[in-house]
Amino acid sequence: MRAWNPYDGDAWLDDVADALDDVPPAEDKVDDLALCLRGHLMQLVSIAISREADKRDERVTPLIARAREARESELPGDYPKAINQLRRMGWAVNELLDVLVEIGTLKQPDSLAQPATRKAAS
């Protein structure tokens, strides 16, 4: 059995931001970020399949396929190509997470929650 880290959408979004930022991660951080993104993709696919999200929304099946493809692709040794692969993985995490949150399969990351509306004092 594989040990999973608990779902932490905010940490996942931090990794996605690192992958998609205009300033790419330092070369010595690429392998670690790729490992994190692969783990997120594995968990997202597992969650989507186990909760039958594909039966609730037709967008899930192609996103699962894209996530699997991104996860299984080898990280190139060439830095610019490795950054492109990180970005593919980052987008795959972001898109699948967005849909799973939208259809209620996963909880929305706290950082994306709308602030509570306050009643005006009378």
PDB file of N, CA and C in Angstrom:
ATOM      1  N   MET A   1       0.824  -1.192   0.000  1.00  0.00           N
ATOM      2  CA  MET A   1       0.000   0.000   0.000  1.00  0.00           C
ATOM      3  C   MET A   1       0.862   1.246   0.000  1.00  0.00           C
ATOM      4  N   ARG A   2       0.387   2.248  -0.656  1.00  0.00           N
ATOM      5  CA  ARG A   2       1.131   3.502  -0.741  1.00  0.00           C
ATOM      6  C   ARG A   2       0.589   4.471   0.295  1.00  0.00           C
ATOM      7  N   ALA A   3       1.484   5.139   0.979  1.00  0.00           N
ATOM      8  CA  ALA A   3       1.068   6.149   1.954  1.00  0.00           C
ATOM      9  C   ALA A   3       0.854   7.463   1.233  1.00  0.00           C
ATOM     10  N   TRP A   4      -0.326   8.074   1.410  1.00  0.00           N
ATOM     11  CA  TRP A   4      -0.648   9.346   0.781  1.00  0.00           C
ATOM     12  C   TRP A   4      -0.586  10.450   1.818  1.00  0.00           C
ATOM     13  N   ASN A   5      -0.193  11.602   1.370  1.00  0.00           N
ATOM     14  CA  ASN A   5      -0.303  12.781   2.217  1.00  0.00           C
ATOM     15  C   ASN A   5      -1.754  13.234   2.160  1.00  0.00           C
ATOM     16  N   PRO A   6      -2.257  13.805   3.225  1.00  0.00           N
ATOM     17  CA  PRO A   6      -3.641  14.286   3.187  1.00  0.00           C
ATOM     18  C   PRO A   6      -3.788  15.398   2.148  1.00  0.00           C
ATOM     19  N   TYR A   7      -5.011  15.528   1.653  1.00  0.00           N
ATOM     20  CA  TYR A   7      -5.307  16.565   0.654  1.00  0.00           C
ATOM     21  C   TYR A   7      -5.034  17.939   1.252  1.00  0.00           C
ATOM     22  N   ASP A   8      -4.228  18.723   0.563  1.00  0.00           N
ATOM     23  CA  ASP A   8      -3.945  20.106   0.949  1.00  0.00           C
ATOM     24  C   ASP A   8      -3.928  20.929  -0.328  1.00  0.00           C
ATOM     25  N   GLY A   9      -5.122  21.376  -0.747  1.00  0.00           N
ATOM     26  CA  GLY A   9      -5.255  22.113  -1.993  1.00  0.00           C
ATOM     27  C   GLY A   9      -4.383  23.344  -2.061  1.00  0.00           C
ATOM     28  N   ASP A  10      -4.184  24.002  -0.931  1.00  0.00           N
ATOM     29  CA  ASP A  10      -3.341  25.202  -0.932  1.00  0.00           C
ATOM     30  C   ASP A  10      -1.881  24.863  -1.229  1.00  0.00           C
ATOM     31  N   ALA A  11      -1.377  23.782  -0.664  1.00  0.00           N
ATOM     32  CA  ALA A  11       0.000  23.361  -0.949  1.00  0.00           C
ATOM     33  C   ALA A  11       0.120  22.948  -2.415  1.00  0.00           C
ATOM     34  N   TRP A  12      -0.907  22.277  -2.937  1.00  0.00           N
ATOM     35  CA  TRP A  12      -0.889  21.879  -4.339  1.00  0.00           C
ATOM     36  C   TRP A  12      -0.848  23.118  -5.227  1.00  0.00           C
ATOM     37  N   LEU A  13      -1.658  24.125  -4.889  1.00  0.00           N
ATOM     38  CA  LEU A  13      -1.673  25.348  -5.688  1.00  0.00           C
ATOM     39  C   LEU A  13      -0.349  26.104  -5.592  1.00  0.00           C
ATOM     40  N   ASP A  14       0.323  26.016  -4.447  1.00  0.00           N
ATOM     41  CA  ASP A  14       1.656  26.624  -4.326  1.00  0.00           C
ATOM     42  C   ASP A  14       2.630  25.963  -5.306  1.00  0.00           C
ATOM     43  N   ASP A  15       2.569  24.637  -5.396  1.00  0.00           N
ATOM     44  CA  ASP A  15       3.440  23.924  -6.338  1.00  0.00           C
ATOM     45  C   ASP A  15       3.078  24.260  -7.781  1.00  0.00           C
ATOM     46  N   VAL A  16       1.784  24.354  -8.066  1.00  0.00           N
ATOM     47  CA  VAL A  16       1.342  24.746  -9.404  1.00  0.00           C
ATOM     48  C   VAL A  16       1.875  26.138  -9.733  1.00  0.00           C
ATOM     49  N   ALA A  17       1.771  27.055  -8.786  1.00  0.00           N
ATOM     50  CA  ALA A  17       2.277  28.424  -8.998  1.00  0.00           C
ATOM     51  C   ALA A  17       3.775  28.409  -9.272  1.00  0.00           C
ATOM     52  N   ASP A  18       4.511  27.580  -8.545  1.00  0.00           N
ATOM     53  CA  ASP A  18       5.952  27.484  -8.782  1.00  0.00           C
ATOM     54  C   ASP A  18       6.248  26.984 -10.197  1.00  0.00           C
ATOM     55  N   ALA A  19       5.436  26.051 -10.685  1.00  0.00           N
ATOM     56  CA  ALA A  19       5.650  25.491 -12.022  1.00  0.00           C
ATOM     57  C   ALA A  19       5.252  26.471 -13.124  1.00  0.00           C
ATOM     58  N   LEU A  20       4.210  27.262 -12.878  1.00  0.00           N
ATOM     59  CA  LEU A  20       3.664  28.129 -13.922  1.00  0.00           C
ATOM     60  C   LEU A  20       4.132  29.575 -13.843  1.00  0.00           C
ATOM     61  N   ASP A  21       4.883  29.919 -12.825  1.00  0.00           N
ATOM     62  CA  ASP A  21       5.332  31.295 -12.648  1.00  0.00           C
ATOM     63  C   ASP A  21       6.156  31.760 -13.847  1.00  0.00           C
ATOM     64  N   ASP A  22       6.111  33.066 -14.106  1.00  0.00           N
ATOM     65  CA  ASP A  22       6.910  33.644 -15.191  1.00  0.00           C
ATOM     66  C   ASP A  22       8.403  33.420 -14.959  1.00  0.00           C
ATOM     67  N   VAL A  23       8.794  33.370 -13.701  1.00  0.00           N
ATOM     68  CA  VAL A  23      10.188  33.088 -13.355  1.00  0.00           C
ATOM     69  C   VAL A  23      10.281  31.602 -13.033  1.00  0.00           C
ATOM     70  N   PRO A  24      10.939  30.826 -13.883  1.00  0.00           N
ATOM     71  CA  PRO A  24      10.991  29.377 -13.655  1.00  0.00           C
ATOM     72  C   PRO A  24      11.788  29.025 -12.401  1.00  0.00           C
ATOM     73  N   PRO A  25      11.497  27.869 -11.827  1.00  0.00           N
ATOM     74  CA  PRO A  25      12.253  27.447 -10.644  1.00  0.00           C
ATOM     75  C   PRO A  25      13.732  27.258 -10.974  1.00  0.00           C
ATOM     76  N   ALA A  26      14.537  27.410  -9.965  1.00  0.00           N
ATOM     77  CA  ALA A  26      15.976  27.195 -10.137  1.00  0.00           C
ATOM     78  C   ALA A  26      16.222  25.765 -10.608  1.00  0.00           C
ATOM     79  N   GLU A  27      17.279  25.599 -11.356  1.00  0.00           N
ATOM     80  CA  GLU A  27      17.582  24.295 -11.936  1.00  0.00           C
ATOM     81  C   GLU A  27      17.693  23.198 -10.877  1.00  0.00           C
ATOM     82  N   ASP A  28      18.222  23.534  -9.697  1.00  0.00           N
ATOM     83  CA  ASP A  28      18.375  22.527  -8.649  1.00  0.00           C
ATOM     84  C   ASP A  28      17.056  22.201  -7.938  1.00  0.00           C
ATOM     85  N   LYS A  29      15.979  22.909  -8.261  1.00  0.00           N
ATOM     86  CA  LYS A  29      14.667  22.663  -7.651  1.00  0.00           C
ATOM     87  C   LYS A  29      13.725  21.889  -8.576  1.00  0.00           C
ATOM     88  N   VAL A  30      14.119  21.724  -9.831  1.00  0.00           N
ATOM     89  CA  VAL A  30      13.241  21.125 -10.838  1.00  0.00           C
ATOM     90  C   VAL A  30      12.833  19.702 -10.473  1.00  0.00           C
ATOM     91  N   ASP A  31      13.791  18.870 -10.088  1.00  0.00           N
ATOM     92  CA  ASP A  31      13.469  17.472  -9.778  1.00  0.00           C
ATOM     93  C   ASP A  31      12.506  17.359  -8.599  1.00  0.00           C
ATOM     94  N   ASP A  32      12.724  18.148  -7.555  1.00  0.00           N
ATOM     95  CA  ASP A  32      11.838  18.102  -6.386  1.00  0.00           C
ATOM     96  C   ASP A  32      10.426  18.562  -6.735  1.00  0.00           C
ATOM     97  N   LEU A  33      10.324  19.625  -7.521  1.00  0.00           N
ATOM     98  CA  LEU A  33       9.009  20.113  -7.919  1.00  0.00           C
ATOM     99  C   LEU A  33       8.302  19.095  -8.808  1.00  0.00           C
ATOM    100  N   ALA A  34       9.037  18.473  -9.709  1.00  0.00           N
ATOM    101  CA  ALA A  34       8.452  17.435 -10.566  1.00  0.00           C
ATOM    102  C   ALA A  34       7.921  16.278  -9.722  1.00  0.00           C
ATOM    103  N   LEU A  35       8.669  15.879  -8.715  1.00  0.00           N
ATOM    104  CA  LEU A  35       8.228  14.805  -7.833  1.00  0.00           C
ATOM    105  C   LEU A  35       6.932  15.181  -7.110  1.00  0.00           C
ATOM    106  N   CYS A  36       6.855  16.407  -6.614  1.00  0.00           N
ATOM    107  CA  CYS A  36       5.635  16.875  -5.937  1.00  0.00           C
ATOM    108  C   CYS A  36       4.451  16.884  -6.895  1.00  0.00           C
ATOM    109  N   LEU A  37       4.647  17.433  -8.094  1.00  0.00           N
ATOM    110  CA  LEU A  37       3.556  17.506  -9.056  1.00  0.00           C
ATOM    111  C   LEU A  37       3.096  16.111  -9.485  1.00  0.00           C
ATOM    112  N   ARG A  38       4.033  15.197  -9.654  1.00  0.00           N
ATOM    113  CA  ARG A  38       3.653  13.808  -9.988  1.00  0.00           C
ATOM    114  C   ARG A  38       2.799  13.203  -8.867  1.00  0.00           C
ATOM    115  N   GLY A  39       3.184  13.472  -7.636  1.00  0.00           N
ATOM    116  CA  GLY A  39       2.399  12.970  -6.507  1.00  0.00           C
ATOM    117  C   GLY A  39       0.998  13.553  -6.491  1.00  0.00           C
ATOM    118  N   HIS A  40       0.888  14.857  -6.764  1.00  0.00           N
ATOM    119  CA  HIS A  40      -0.432  15.493  -6.815  1.00  0.00           C
ATOM    120  C   HIS A  40      -1.275  14.887  -7.925  1.00  0.00           C
ATOM    121  N   LEU A  41      -0.665  14.653  -9.085  1.00  0.00           N
ATOM    122  CA  LEU A  41      -1.402  14.057 -10.197  1.00  0.00           C
ATOM    123  C   LEU A  41      -1.881  12.652  -9.855  1.00  0.00           C
ATOM    124  N   MET A  42      -1.027  11.876  -9.201  1.00  0.00           N
ATOM    125  CA  MET A  42      -1.423  10.517  -8.801  1.00  0.00           C
ATOM    126  C   MET A  42      -2.621  10.565  -7.861  1.00  0.00           C
ATOM    127  N   GLN A  43      -2.571  11.462  -6.893  1.00  0.00           N
ATOM    128  CA  GLN A  43      -3.679  11.569  -5.940  1.00  0.00           C
ATOM    129  C   GLN A  43      -4.954  12.059  -6.617  1.00  0.00           C
ATOM    130  N   LEU A  44      -4.840  13.057  -7.469  1.00  0.00           N
ATOM    131  CA  LEU A  44      -6.018  13.583  -8.145  1.00  0.00           C
ATOM    132  C   LEU A  44      -6.681  12.523  -9.011  1.00  0.00           C
ATOM    133  N   VAL A  45      -5.896  11.786  -9.758  1.00  0.00           N
ATOM    134  CA  VAL A  45      -6.450  10.724 -10.609  1.00  0.00           C
ATOM    135  C   VAL A  45      -7.102   9.653  -9.743  1.00  0.00           C
ATOM    136  N   SER A  46      -6.446   9.273  -8.688  1.00  0.00           N
ATOM    137  CA  SER A  46      -7.001   8.262  -7.788  1.00  0.00           C
ATOM    138  C   SER A  46      -8.328   8.729  -7.179  1.00  0.00           C
ATOM    139  N   ILE A  47      -8.373   9.964  -6.748  1.00  0.00           N
ATOM    140  CA  ILE A  47      -9.602  10.525  -6.168  1.00  0.00           C
ATOM    141  C   ILE A  47     -10.705  10.565  -7.218  1.00  0.00           C
ATOM    142  N   ALA A  48     -10.378  11.052  -8.412  1.00  0.00           N
ATOM    143  CA  ALA A  48     -11.378  11.164  -9.478  1.00  0.00           C
ATOM    144  C   ALA A  48     -11.967   9.800  -9.829  1.00  0.00           C
ATOM    145  N   ILE A  49     -11.117   8.791  -9.919  1.00  0.00           N
ATOM    146  CA  ILE A  49     -11.587   7.454 -10.282  1.00  0.00           C
ATOM    147  C   ILE A  49     -12.378   6.831  -9.144  1.00  0.00           C
ATOM    148  N   SER A  50     -11.848   6.894  -7.936  1.00  0.00           N
ATOM    149  CA  SER A  50     -12.529   6.238  -6.811  1.00  0.00           C
ATOM    150  C   SER A  50     -13.876   6.870  -6.483  1.00  0.00           C
ATOM    151  N   ARG A  51     -14.016   8.151  -6.771  1.00  0.00           N
ATOM    152  CA  ARG A  51     -15.291   8.835  -6.497  1.00  0.00           C
ATOM    153  C   ARG A  51     -16.157   8.968  -7.748  1.00  0.00           C
ATOM    154  N   GLU A  52     -15.742   8.270  -8.808  1.00  0.00           N
ATOM    155  CA  GLU A  52     -16.496   8.215 -10.065  1.00  0.00           C
ATOM    156  C   GLU A  52     -16.866   9.600 -10.589  1.00  0.00           C
ATOM    157  N   ALA A  53     -15.908  10.511 -10.521  1.00  0.00           N
ATOM    158  CA  ALA A  53     -16.140  11.879 -10.982  1.00  0.00           C
ATOM    159  C   ALA A  53     -16.420  11.926 -12.477  1.00  0.00           C
ATOM    160  N   ASP A  54     -15.874  10.967 -13.225  1.00  0.00           N
ATOM    161  CA  ASP A  54     -16.096  10.943 -14.674  1.00  0.00           C
ATOM    162  C   ASP A  54     -17.558  10.695 -15.031  1.00  0.00           C
ATOM    163  N   LYS A  55     -18.307  10.099 -14.131  1.00  0.00           N
ATOM    164  CA  LYS A  55     -19.735   9.855 -14.375  1.00  0.00           C
ATOM    165  C   LYS A  55     -20.571  11.098 -14.090  1.00  0.00           C
ATOM    166  N   ARG A  56     -19.995  12.051 -13.375  1.00  0.00           N
ATOM    167  CA  ARG A  56     -20.714  13.278 -13.038  1.00  0.00           C
ATOM    168  C   ARG A  56     -20.388  14.426 -13.971  1.00  0.00           C
ATOM    169  N   ASP A  57     -19.238  14.354 -14.659  1.00  0.00           N
ATOM    170  CA  ASP A  57     -18.856  15.454 -15.541  1.00  0.00           C
ATOM    171  C   ASP A  57     -17.983  14.906 -16.669  1.00  0.00           C
ATOM    172  N   GLU A  58     -18.374  15.195 -17.884  1.00  0.00           N
ATOM    173  CA  GLU A  58     -17.660  14.667 -19.049  1.00  0.00           C
ATOM    174  C   GLU A  58     -16.257  15.242 -19.212  1.00  0.00           C
ATOM    175  N   ARG A  59     -15.954  16.342 -18.551  1.00  0.00           N
ATOM    176  CA  ARG A  59     -14.616  16.932 -18.654  1.00  0.00           C
ATOM    177  C   ARG A  59     -13.567  16.116 -17.918  1.00  0.00           C
ATOM    178  N   VAL A  60     -13.998  15.268 -16.992  1.00  0.00           N
ATOM    179  CA  VAL A  60     -13.048  14.564 -16.131  1.00  0.00           C
ATOM    180  C   VAL A  60     -12.221  13.531 -16.908  1.00  0.00           C
ATOM    181  N   THR A  61     -12.843  12.782 -17.793  1.00  0.00           N
ATOM    182  CA  THR A  61     -12.120  11.713 -18.500  1.00  0.00           C
ATOM    183  C   THR A  61     -10.922  12.232 -19.286  1.00  0.00           C
ATOM    184  N   PRO A  62     -11.077  13.277 -20.123  1.00  0.00           N
ATOM    185  CA  PRO A  62      -9.871  13.756 -20.816  1.00  0.00           C
ATOM    186  C   PRO A  62      -8.839  14.384 -19.875  1.00  0.00           C
ATOM    187  N   LEU A  63      -9.298  14.960 -18.766  1.00  0.00           N
ATOM    188  CA  LEU A  63      -8.351  15.528 -17.801  1.00  0.00           C
ATOM    189  C   LEU A  63      -7.563  14.434 -17.096  1.00  0.00           C
ATOM    190  N   ILE A  64      -8.210  13.308 -16.818  1.00  0.00           N
ATOM    191  CA  ILE A  64      -7.491  12.162 -16.238  1.00  0.00           C
ATOM    192  C   ILE A  64      -6.437  11.674 -17.222  1.00  0.00           C
ATOM    193  N   ALA A  65      -6.809  11.560 -18.494  1.00  0.00           N
ATOM    194  CA  ALA A  65      -5.850  11.108 -19.511  1.00  0.00           C
ATOM    195  C   ALA A  65      -4.667  12.065 -19.604  1.00  0.00           C
ATOM    196  N   ARG A  66      -4.946  13.372 -19.587  1.00  0.00           N
ATOM    197  CA  ARG A  66      -3.873  14.376 -19.655  1.00  0.00           C
ATOM    198  C   ARG A  66      -2.989  14.291 -18.410  1.00  0.00           C
ATOM    199  N   ALA A  67      -3.603  14.094 -17.252  1.00  0.00           N
ATOM    200  CA  ALA A  67      -2.834  13.987 -16.008  1.00  0.00           C
ATOM    201  C   ALA A  67      -1.923  12.764 -16.044  1.00  0.00           C
ATOM    202  N   ARG A  68      -2.448  11.647 -16.516  1.00  0.00           N
ATOM    203  CA  ARG A  68      -1.621  10.427 -16.604  1.00  0.00           C
ATOM    204  C   ARG A  68      -0.460  10.614 -17.577  1.00  0.00           C
ATOM    205  N   GLU A  69      -0.746  11.229 -18.711  1.00  0.00           N
ATOM    206  CA  GLU A  69       0.303  11.458 -19.713  1.00  0.00           C
ATOM    207  C   GLU A  69       1.389  12.370 -19.153  1.00  0.00           C
ATOM    208  N   ALA A  70       0.991  13.445 -18.496  1.00  0.00           N
ATOM    209  CA  ALA A  70       1.967  14.383 -17.927  1.00  0.00           C
ATOM    210  C   ALA A  70       2.788  13.714 -16.830  1.00  0.00           C
ATOM    211  N   ARG A  71       2.125  12.921 -16.004  1.00  0.00           N
ATOM    212  CA  ARG A  71       2.806  12.259 -14.898  1.00  0.00           C
ATOM    213  C   ARG A  71       3.816  11.227 -15.394  1.00  0.00           C
ATOM    214  N   GLU A  72       3.471  10.519 -16.452  1.00  0.00           N
ATOM    215  CA  GLU A  72       4.320   9.417 -16.924  1.00  0.00           C
ATOM    216  C   GLU A  72       5.464   9.868 -17.818  1.00  0.00           C
ATOM    217  N   SER A  73       5.407  11.091 -18.316  1.00  0.00           N
ATOM    218  CA  SER A  73       6.486  11.588 -19.180  1.00  0.00           C
ATOM    219  C   SER A  73       7.751  11.805 -18.370  1.00  0.00           C
ATOM    220  N   GLU A  74       8.855  11.346 -18.943  1.00  0.00           N
ATOM    221  CA  GLU A  74      10.151  11.531 -18.289  1.00  0.00           C
ATOM    222  C   GLU A  74      10.516  13.010 -18.280  1.00  0.00           C
ATOM    223  N   LEU A  75      11.136  13.432 -17.218  1.00  0.00           N
ATOM    224  CA  LEU A  75      11.616  14.815 -17.128  1.00  0.00           C
ATOM    225  C   LEU A  75      12.895  14.922 -17.951  1.00  0.00           C
ATOM    226  N   PRO A  76      12.888  15.761 -18.992  1.00  0.00           N
ATOM    227  CA  PRO A  76      14.088  15.884 -19.831  1.00  0.00           C
ATOM    228  C   PRO A  76      15.279  16.414 -19.041  1.00  0.00           C
ATOM    229  N   GLY A  77      16.470  16.054 -19.467  1.00  0.00           N
ATOM    230  CA  GLY A  77      17.680  16.538 -18.821  1.00  0.00           C
ATOM    231  C   GLY A  77      17.990  17.984 -19.188  1.00  0.00           C
ATOM    232  N   ASP A  78      17.460  18.444 -20.297  1.00  0.00           N
ATOM    233  CA  ASP A  78      17.661  19.806 -20.762  1.00  0.00           C
ATOM    234  C   ASP A  78      16.760  20.737 -19.941  1.00  0.00           C
ATOM    235  N   TYR A  79      17.343  21.756 -19.301  1.00  0.00           N
ATOM    236  CA  TYR A  79      16.594  22.640 -18.394  1.00  0.00           C
ATOM    237  C   TYR A  79      15.369  23.291 -19.036  1.00  0.00           C
ATOM    238  N   PRO A  80      15.474  23.928 -20.195  1.00  0.00           N
ATOM    239  CA  PRO A  80      14.269  24.540 -20.779  1.00  0.00           C
ATOM    240  C   PRO A  80      13.165  23.519 -21.087  1.00  0.00           C
ATOM    241  N   LYS A  81      13.547  22.347 -21.550  1.00  0.00           N
ATOM    242  CA  LYS A  81      12.550  21.295 -21.823  1.00  0.00           C
ATOM    243  C   LYS A  81      11.952  20.773 -20.522  1.00  0.00           C
ATOM    244  N   ALA A  82      12.760  20.688 -19.472  1.00  0.00           N
ATOM    245  CA  ALA A  82      12.263  20.265 -18.157  1.00  0.00           C
ATOM    246  C   ALA A  82      11.238  21.272 -17.624  1.00  0.00           C
ATOM    247  N   ILE A  83      11.484  22.555 -17.831  1.00  0.00           N
ATOM    248  CA  ILE A  83      10.533  23.593 -17.410  1.00  0.00           C
ATOM    249  C   ILE A  83       9.218  23.427 -18.163  1.00  0.00           C
ATOM    250  N   ASN A  84       9.293  23.140 -19.462  1.00  0.00           N
ATOM    251  CA  ASN A  84       8.068  22.901 -20.232  1.00  0.00           C
ATOM    252  C   ASN A  84       7.291  21.713 -19.677  1.00  0.00           C
ATOM    253  N   GLN A  85       7.997  20.656 -19.293  1.00  0.00           N
ATOM    254  CA  GLN A  85       7.328  19.487 -18.717  1.00  0.00           C
ATOM    255  C   GLN A  85       6.710  19.839 -17.364  1.00  0.00           C
ATOM    256  N   LEU A  86       7.414  20.614 -16.542  1.00  0.00           N
ATOM    257  CA  LEU A  86       6.845  21.057 -15.267  1.00  0.00           C
ATOM    258  C   LEU A  86       5.558  21.848 -15.497  1.00  0.00           C
ATOM    259  N   ARG A  87       5.571  22.687 -16.503  1.00  0.00           N
ATOM    260  CA  ARG A  87       4.375  23.490 -16.799  1.00  0.00           C
ATOM    261  C   ARG A  87       3.217  22.613 -17.254  1.00  0.00           C
ATOM    262  N   ARG A  88       3.498  21.600 -18.046  1.00  0.00           N
ATOM    263  CA  ARG A  88       2.432  20.664 -18.445  1.00  0.00           C
ATOM    264  C   ARG A  88       1.843  19.980 -17.218  1.00  0.00           C
ATOM    265  N   MET A  89       2.715  19.549 -16.309  1.00  0.00           N
ATOM    266  CA  MET A  89       2.220  18.908 -15.091  1.00  0.00           C
ATOM    267  C   MET A  89       1.439  19.903 -14.235  1.00  0.00           C
ATOM    268  N   GLY A  90       1.938  21.126 -14.128  1.00  0.00           N
ATOM    269  CA  GLY A  90       1.247  22.149 -13.343  1.00  0.00           C
ATOM    270  C   GLY A  90      -0.143  22.432 -13.878  1.00  0.00           C
ATOM    271  N   TRP A  91      -0.254  22.578 -15.198  1.00  0.00           N
ATOM    272  CA  TRP A  91      -1.579  22.814 -15.796  1.00  0.00           C
ATOM    273  C   TRP A  91      -2.494  21.623 -15.580  1.00  0.00           C
ATOM    274  N   ALA A  92      -1.951  20.413 -15.677  1.00  0.00           N
ATOM    275  CA  ALA A  92      -2.775  19.218 -15.472  1.00  0.00           C
ATOM    276  C   ALA A  92      -3.320  19.176 -14.044  1.00  0.00           C
ATOM    277  N   VAL A  93      -2.474  19.484 -13.059  1.00  0.00           N
ATOM    278  CA  VAL A  93      -2.929  19.541 -11.667  1.00  0.00           C
ATOM    279  C   VAL A  93      -4.013  20.608 -11.522  1.00  0.00           C
ATOM    280  N   ASN A  94      -3.732  21.788 -12.028  1.00  0.00           N
ATOM    281  CA  ASN A  94      -4.647  22.914 -11.878  1.00  0.00           C
ATOM    282  C   ASN A  94      -6.017  22.622 -12.498  1.00  0.00           C
ATOM    283  N   GLU A  95      -6.032  22.123 -13.721  1.00  0.00           N
ATOM    284  CA  GLU A  95      -7.297  21.891 -14.418  1.00  0.00           C
ATOM    285  C   GLU A  95      -8.115  20.781 -13.774  1.00  0.00           C
ATOM    286  N   LEU A  96      -7.468  19.676 -13.416  1.00  0.00           N
ATOM    287  CA  LEU A  96      -8.216  18.577 -12.800  1.00  0.00           C
ATOM    288  C   LEU A  96      -8.706  18.983 -11.413  1.00  0.00           C
ATOM    289  N   LEU A  97      -7.881  19.666 -10.647  1.00  0.00           N
ATOM    290  CA  LEU A  97      -8.296  20.149  -9.332  1.00  0.00           C
ATOM    291  C   LEU A  97      -9.490  21.090  -9.459  1.00  0.00           C
ATOM    292  N   ASP A  98      -9.436  22.013 -10.411  1.00  0.00           N
ATOM    293  CA  ASP A  98     -10.547  22.953 -10.612  1.00  0.00           C
ATOM    294  C   ASP A  98     -11.865  22.226 -10.867  1.00  0.00           C
ATOM    295  N   VAL A  99     -11.836  21.249 -11.760  1.00  0.00           N
ATOM    296  CA  VAL A  99     -13.073  20.531 -12.091  1.00  0.00           C
ATOM    297  C   VAL A  99     -13.559  19.708 -10.900  1.00  0.00           C
ATOM    298  N   LEU A 100     -12.653  19.042 -10.197  1.00  0.00           N
ATOM    299  CA  LEU A 100     -13.067  18.221  -9.052  1.00  0.00           C
ATOM    300  C   LEU A 100     -13.657  19.083  -7.939  1.00  0.00           C
ATOM    301  N   VAL A 101     -13.139  20.287  -7.764  1.00  0.00           N
ATOM    302  CA  VAL A 101     -13.715  21.212  -6.792  1.00  0.00           C
ATOM    303  C   VAL A 101     -15.083  21.682  -7.279  1.00  0.00           C
ATOM    304  N   GLU A 102     -15.172  22.036  -8.542  1.00  0.00           N
ATOM    305  CA  GLU A 102     -16.419  22.543  -9.113  1.00  0.00           C
ATOM    306  C   GLU A 102     -17.567  21.546  -8.978  1.00  0.00           C
ATOM    307  N   ILE A 103     -17.281  20.257  -9.160  1.00  0.00           N
ATOM    308  CA  ILE A 103     -18.354  19.256  -9.097  1.00  0.00           C
ATOM    309  C   ILE A 103     -18.533  18.674  -7.692  1.00  0.00           C
ATOM    310  N   GLY A 104     -17.781  19.204  -6.735  1.00  0.00           N
ATOM    311  CA  GLY A 104     -17.966  18.810  -5.342  1.00  0.00           C
ATOM    312  C   GLY A 104     -17.243  17.552  -4.910  1.00  0.00           C
ATOM    313  N   THR A 105     -16.304  17.092  -5.721  1.00  0.00           N
ATOM    314  CA  THR A 105     -15.532  15.905  -5.362  1.00  0.00           C
ATOM    315  C   THR A 105     -14.472  16.233  -4.318  1.00  0.00           C
ATOM    316  N   LEU A 106     -13.906  17.426  -4.405  1.00  0.00           N
ATOM    317  CA  LEU A 106     -12.902  17.892  -3.449  1.00  0.00           C
ATOM    318  C   LEU A 106     -13.331  19.235  -2.877  1.00  0.00           C
ATOM    319  N   LYS A 107     -12.844  19.490  -1.680  1.00  0.00           N
ATOM    320  CA  LYS A 107     -13.087  20.769  -1.015  1.00  0.00           C
ATOM    321  C   LYS A 107     -12.248  21.848  -1.694  1.00  0.00           C
ATOM    322  N   GLN A 108     -12.821  23.017  -1.809  1.00  0.00           N
ATOM    323  CA  GLN A 108     -12.100  24.154  -2.382  1.00  0.00           C
ATOM    324  C   GLN A 108     -10.929  24.530  -1.474  1.00  0.00           C
ATOM    325  N   PRO A 109      -9.761  24.769  -2.059  1.00  0.00           N
ATOM    326  CA  PRO A 109      -8.634  25.223  -1.226  1.00  0.00           C
ATOM    327  C   PRO A 109      -9.017  26.490  -0.465  1.00  0.00           C
ATOM    328  N   ASP A 110      -8.571  26.586   0.771  1.00  0.00           N
ATOM    329  CA  ASP A 110      -8.914  27.730   1.619  1.00  0.00           C
ATOM    330  C   ASP A 110      -8.520  29.062   0.986  1.00  0.00           C
ATOM    331  N   SER A 111      -7.413  29.073   0.268  1.00  0.00           N
ATOM    332  CA  SER A 111      -6.940  30.328  -0.323  1.00  0.00           C
ATOM    333  C   SER A 111      -7.872  30.848  -1.416  1.00  0.00           C
ATOM    334  N   LEU A 112      -8.743  29.988  -1.945  1.00  0.00           N
ATOM    335  CA  LEU A 112      -9.665  30.404  -2.996  1.00  0.00           C
ATOM    336  C   LEU A 112     -11.073  30.686  -2.475  1.00  0.00           C
ATOM    337  N   ALA A 113     -11.297  30.412  -1.200  1.00  0.00           N
ATOM    338  CA  ALA A 113     -12.631  30.618  -0.634  1.00  0.00           C
ATOM    339  C   ALA A 113     -12.947  32.108  -0.574  1.00  0.00           C
ATOM    340  N   GLN A 114     -14.193  32.423  -0.830  1.00  0.00           N
ATOM    341  CA  GLN A 114     -14.644  33.808  -0.752  1.00  0.00           C
ATOM    342  C   GLN A 114     -14.691  34.226   0.713  1.00  0.00           C
ATOM    343  N   PRO A 115     -14.244  35.440   1.022  1.00  0.00           N
ATOM    344  CA  PRO A 115     -14.350  35.895   2.410  1.00  0.00           C
ATOM    345  C   PRO A 115     -15.817  35.989   2.823  1.00  0.00           C
ATOM    346  N   ALA A 116     -16.063  35.709   4.048  1.00  0.00           N
ATOM    347  CA  ALA A 116     -17.437  35.773   4.554  1.00  0.00           C
ATOM    348  C   ALA A 116     -17.945  37.203   4.448  1.00  0.00           C
ATOM    349  N   THR A 117     -19.155  37.298   3.986  1.00  0.00           N
ATOM    350  CA  THR A 117     -19.738  38.649   3.891  1.00  0.00           C
ATOM    351  C   THR A 117     -20.158  39.076   5.276  1.00  0.00           C
ATOM    352  N   ARG A 118     -19.861  40.314   5.546  1.00  0.00           N
ATOM    353  CA  ARG A 118     -20.186  40.850   6.868  1.00  0.00           C
ATOM    354  C   ARG A 118     -21.439  41.706   6.763  1.00  0.00           C
ATOM    355  N   LYS A 119     -22.260  41.595   7.736  1.00  0.00           N
ATOM    356  CA  LYS A 119     -23.468  42.428   7.776  1.00  0.00           C
ATOM    357  C   LYS A 119     -23.070  43.816   8.241  1.00  0.00           C
ATOM    358  N   ALA A 120     -23.613  44.770   7.553  1.00  0.00           N
ATOM    359  CA  ALA A 120     -23.342  46.161   7.938  1.00  0.00           C
ATOM    360  C   ALA A 120     -24.016  46.458   9.262  1.00  0.00           C
ATOM    361  N   ALA A 121     -23.296  47.115  10.122  1.00  0.00           N
ATOM    362  CA  ALA A 121     -23.878  47.490  11.421  1.00  0.00           C
ATOM    363  C   ALA A 121     -24.897  48.601  11.213  1.00  0.00           C
ATOM    364  N   SER A 122     -26.025  48.444  11.829  1.00  0.00           N
ATOM    365  CA  SER A 122     -27.082  49.470  11.706  1.00  0.00           C
ATOM    366  C   SER A 122     -27.023  50.414  12.846  1.00  0.00           C
TER     367      SER A 122
END
